[in-house]
Amino acid sequence: MVIGFLLFYFSWFMMVKRILFKLMFFTSGKFTNANLIPNDMLLIFLWNPLFHLIDQMRDAAFVNYTAHHTNMYYPLFVSFMFLLIGHILHDYMLRNRNVMTG
């Protein structure tokens, strides 16, 4: 919702979205284990909610894997905050649609 709002009002955000999605794919943890990444490199990956979700799903799927560096509440919190911000921006857009379109 937030990205849709930003794309509607700012045309230059398409390039930012493209970069952000590629960065999220690279740091998603799909190809790397969180337990095998060194601690100084782990900070590059921990901001990404997909990294936490993929590592927690690995913990649930495999018996011999335990997620030590991630938790399940971070992606839930980030999703809730983006959904809340998206609803606020949507309400703002609906209230001011006549003013902004001319």
C-alpha atoms as a PDB file:
ATOM      1  CA  MET A   1       0.000   0.000   0.000  1.00  0.00           C
ATOM      2  CA  VAL A   2       2.808   2.389   0.839  1.00  0.00           C
ATOM      3  CA  ILE A   3       4.681   1.627  -2.385  1.00  0.00           C
ATOM      4  CA  GLY A   4       1.469   2.047  -4.396  1.00  0.00           C
ATOM      5  CA  PHE A   5       0.915   5.473  -2.843  1.00  0.00           C
ATOM      6  CA  LEU A   6       4.474   6.553  -3.539  1.00  0.00           C
ATOM      7  CA  LEU A   7       4.329   5.285  -7.128  1.00  0.00           C
ATOM      8  CA  PHE A   8       1.110   7.199  -7.749  1.00  0.00           C
ATOM      9  CA  TYR A   9       2.465  10.564  -6.593  1.00  0.00           C
ATOM     10  CA  PHE A  10       6.181  10.292  -7.356  1.00  0.00           C
ATOM     11  CA  SER A  11       7.147   8.867 -10.744  1.00  0.00           C
ATOM     12  CA  TRP A  12      10.842   8.675  -9.816  1.00  0.00           C
ATOM     13  CA  PHE A  13       9.996   6.124  -7.095  1.00  0.00           C
ATOM     14  CA  MET A  14       9.880   3.349  -9.725  1.00  0.00           C
ATOM     15  CA  MET A  15      13.700   3.284  -9.782  1.00  0.00           C
ATOM     16  CA  VAL A  16      13.824   3.207  -5.952  1.00  0.00           C
ATOM     17  CA  LYS A  17      11.292   0.363  -5.935  1.00  0.00           C
ATOM     18  CA  ARG A  18      13.358  -1.619  -8.434  1.00  0.00           C
ATOM     19  CA  ILE A  19      16.533  -1.175  -6.360  1.00  0.00           C
ATOM     20  CA  LEU A  20      14.707  -1.964  -3.110  1.00  0.00           C
ATOM     21  CA  PHE A  21      13.206  -5.182  -4.468  1.00  0.00           C
ATOM     22  CA  LYS A  22      16.558  -6.379  -5.814  1.00  0.00           C
ATOM     23  CA  LEU A  23      18.203  -5.578  -2.486  1.00  0.00           C
ATOM     24  CA  MET A  24      15.451  -7.420  -0.624  1.00  0.00           C
ATOM     25  CA  PHE A  25      15.939 -10.463  -2.857  1.00  0.00           C
ATOM     26  CA  PHE A  26      19.690 -10.428  -2.282  1.00  0.00           C
ATOM     27  CA  THR A  27      19.301 -10.165   1.505  1.00  0.00           C
ATOM     28  CA  SER A  28      16.316 -12.507   1.798  1.00  0.00           C
ATOM     29  CA  GLY A  29      18.385 -15.411   3.105  1.00  0.00           C
ATOM     30  CA  LYS A  30      17.093 -17.730   0.421  1.00  0.00           C
ATOM     31  CA  PHE A  31      20.594 -18.857  -0.511  1.00  0.00           C
ATOM     32  CA  THR A  32      22.313 -18.454   2.865  1.00  0.00           C
ATOM     33  CA  ASN A  33      21.774 -19.803   6.349  1.00  0.00           C
ATOM     34  CA  ALA A  34      21.467 -17.267   9.151  1.00  0.00           C
ATOM     35  CA  ASN A  35      23.510 -19.525  11.417  1.00  0.00           C
ATOM     36  CA  LEU A  36      26.394 -19.701   8.918  1.00  0.00           C
ATOM     37  CA  ILE A  37      26.713 -15.964   8.253  1.00  0.00           C
ATOM     38  CA  PRO A  38      29.460 -14.215  10.286  1.00  0.00           C
ATOM     39  CA  ASN A  39      28.204 -11.740  12.883  1.00  0.00           C
ATOM     40  CA  ASP A  40      29.663  -8.686  11.151  1.00  0.00           C
ATOM     41  CA  MET A  41      27.856  -9.602   7.901  1.00  0.00           C
ATOM     42  CA  LEU A  42      24.645 -10.563   9.695  1.00  0.00           C
ATOM     43  CA  LEU A  43      23.760  -6.889  10.161  1.00  0.00           C
ATOM     44  CA  ILE A  44      23.366  -6.564   6.384  1.00  0.00           C
ATOM     45  CA  PHE A  45      20.610  -9.189   6.433  1.00  0.00           C
ATOM     46  CA  LEU A  46      18.734  -8.525   9.687  1.00  0.00           C
ATOM     47  CA  TRP A  47      16.778  -5.483   8.436  1.00  0.00           C
ATOM     48  CA  ASN A  48      14.889  -7.629   5.921  1.00  0.00           C
ATOM     49  CA  PRO A  49      11.644  -9.221   7.176  1.00  0.00           C
ATOM     50  CA  LEU A  50      11.918 -11.903   4.466  1.00  0.00           C
ATOM     51  CA  PHE A  51      15.206 -13.015   6.016  1.00  0.00           C
ATOM     52  CA  HIS A  52      13.454 -13.584   9.336  1.00  0.00           C
ATOM     53  CA  LEU A  53      10.538 -15.422   7.722  1.00  0.00           C
ATOM     54  CA  ILE A  54      12.711 -17.724   5.621  1.00  0.00           C
ATOM     55  CA  ASP A  55      14.956 -18.557   8.576  1.00  0.00           C
ATOM     56  CA  GLN A  56      11.978 -19.273  10.833  1.00  0.00           C
ATOM     57  CA  MET A  57      10.449 -21.505   8.160  1.00  0.00           C
ATOM     58  CA  ARG A  58      13.745 -23.386   7.925  1.00  0.00           C
ATOM     59  CA  ASP A  59      13.523 -23.886  11.689  1.00  0.00           C
ATOM     60  CA  ALA A  60       9.980 -25.266  11.365  1.00  0.00           C
ATOM     61  CA  ALA A  61      10.734 -27.495   8.373  1.00  0.00           C
ATOM     62  CA  PHE A  62      14.013 -29.122   9.395  1.00  0.00           C
ATOM     63  CA  VAL A  63      14.541 -31.070  12.593  1.00  0.00           C
ATOM     64  CA  ASN A  64      18.282 -30.438  12.839  1.00  0.00           C
ATOM     65  CA  TYR A  65      18.096 -26.639  12.285  1.00  0.00           C
ATOM     66  CA  THR A  66      17.485 -24.066  15.014  1.00  0.00           C
ATOM     67  CA  ALA A  67      17.034 -20.368  14.263  1.00  0.00           C
ATOM     68  CA  HIS A  68      19.319 -18.441  16.625  1.00  0.00           C
ATOM     69  CA  HIS A  69      19.484 -14.956  15.083  1.00  0.00           C
ATOM     70  CA  THR A  70      15.918 -14.310  13.901  1.00  0.00           C
ATOM     71  CA  ASN A  71      12.492 -14.084  15.476  1.00  0.00           C
ATOM     72  CA  MET A  72       8.955 -14.312  14.137  1.00  0.00           C
ATOM     73  CA  TYR A  73       7.679 -11.061  15.653  1.00  0.00           C
ATOM     74  CA  TYR A  74       9.854  -8.704  13.602  1.00  0.00           C
ATOM     75  CA  PRO A  75       8.152  -9.433  10.229  1.00  0.00           C
ATOM     76  CA  LEU A  76       4.737  -9.260  11.892  1.00  0.00           C
ATOM     77  CA  PHE A  77       5.559  -5.881  13.423  1.00  0.00           C
ATOM     78  CA  VAL A  78       6.979  -4.501  10.159  1.00  0.00           C
ATOM     79  CA  SER A  79       3.964  -5.751   8.178  1.00  0.00           C
ATOM     80  CA  PHE A  80       1.570  -4.214  10.688  1.00  0.00           C
ATOM     81  CA  MET A  81       3.382  -0.874  10.606  1.00  0.00           C
ATOM     82  CA  PHE A  82       3.447  -0.724   6.788  1.00  0.00           C
ATOM     83  CA  LEU A  83      -0.227  -1.683   6.662  1.00  0.00           C
ATOM     84  CA  LEU A  84      -1.052   1.061   9.173  1.00  0.00           C
ATOM     85  CA  ILE A  85       0.976   3.641   7.244  1.00  0.00           C
ATOM     86  CA  GLY A  86      -0.662   2.474   4.009  1.00  0.00           C
ATOM     87  CA  HIS A  87      -4.138   2.948   5.463  1.00  0.00           C
ATOM     88  CA  ILE A  88      -3.242   6.424   6.683  1.00  0.00           C
ATOM     89  CA  LEU A  89      -1.870   7.370   3.248  1.00  0.00           C
ATOM     90  CA  HIS A  90      -4.925   5.886   1.532  1.00  0.00           C
ATOM     91  CA  ASP A  91      -7.225   7.942   3.750  1.00  0.00           C
ATOM     92  CA  TYR A  92      -5.157  11.045   3.001  1.00  0.00           C
ATOM     93  CA  MET A  93      -5.361  10.333  -0.720  1.00  0.00           C
ATOM     94  CA  LEU A  94      -9.143   9.872  -0.602  1.00  0.00           C
ATOM     95  CA  ARG A  95      -9.702  13.057   1.380  1.00  0.00           C
ATOM     96  CA  ASN A  96      -7.510  15.174  -0.894  1.00  0.00           C
ATOM     97  CA  ARG A  97      -8.131  13.593  -4.306  1.00  0.00           C
ATOM     98  CA  ASN A  98      -9.938  16.635  -5.697  1.00  0.00           C
ATOM     99  CA  VAL A  99      -7.283  19.040  -4.439  1.00  0.00           C
ATOM    100  CA  MET A 100      -4.346  17.047  -5.849  1.00  0.00           C
ATOM    101  CA  THR A 101      -5.753  16.253  -9.280  1.00  0.00           C
ATOM    102  CA  GLY A 102      -6.542  19.865 -10.058  1.00  0.00           C
END
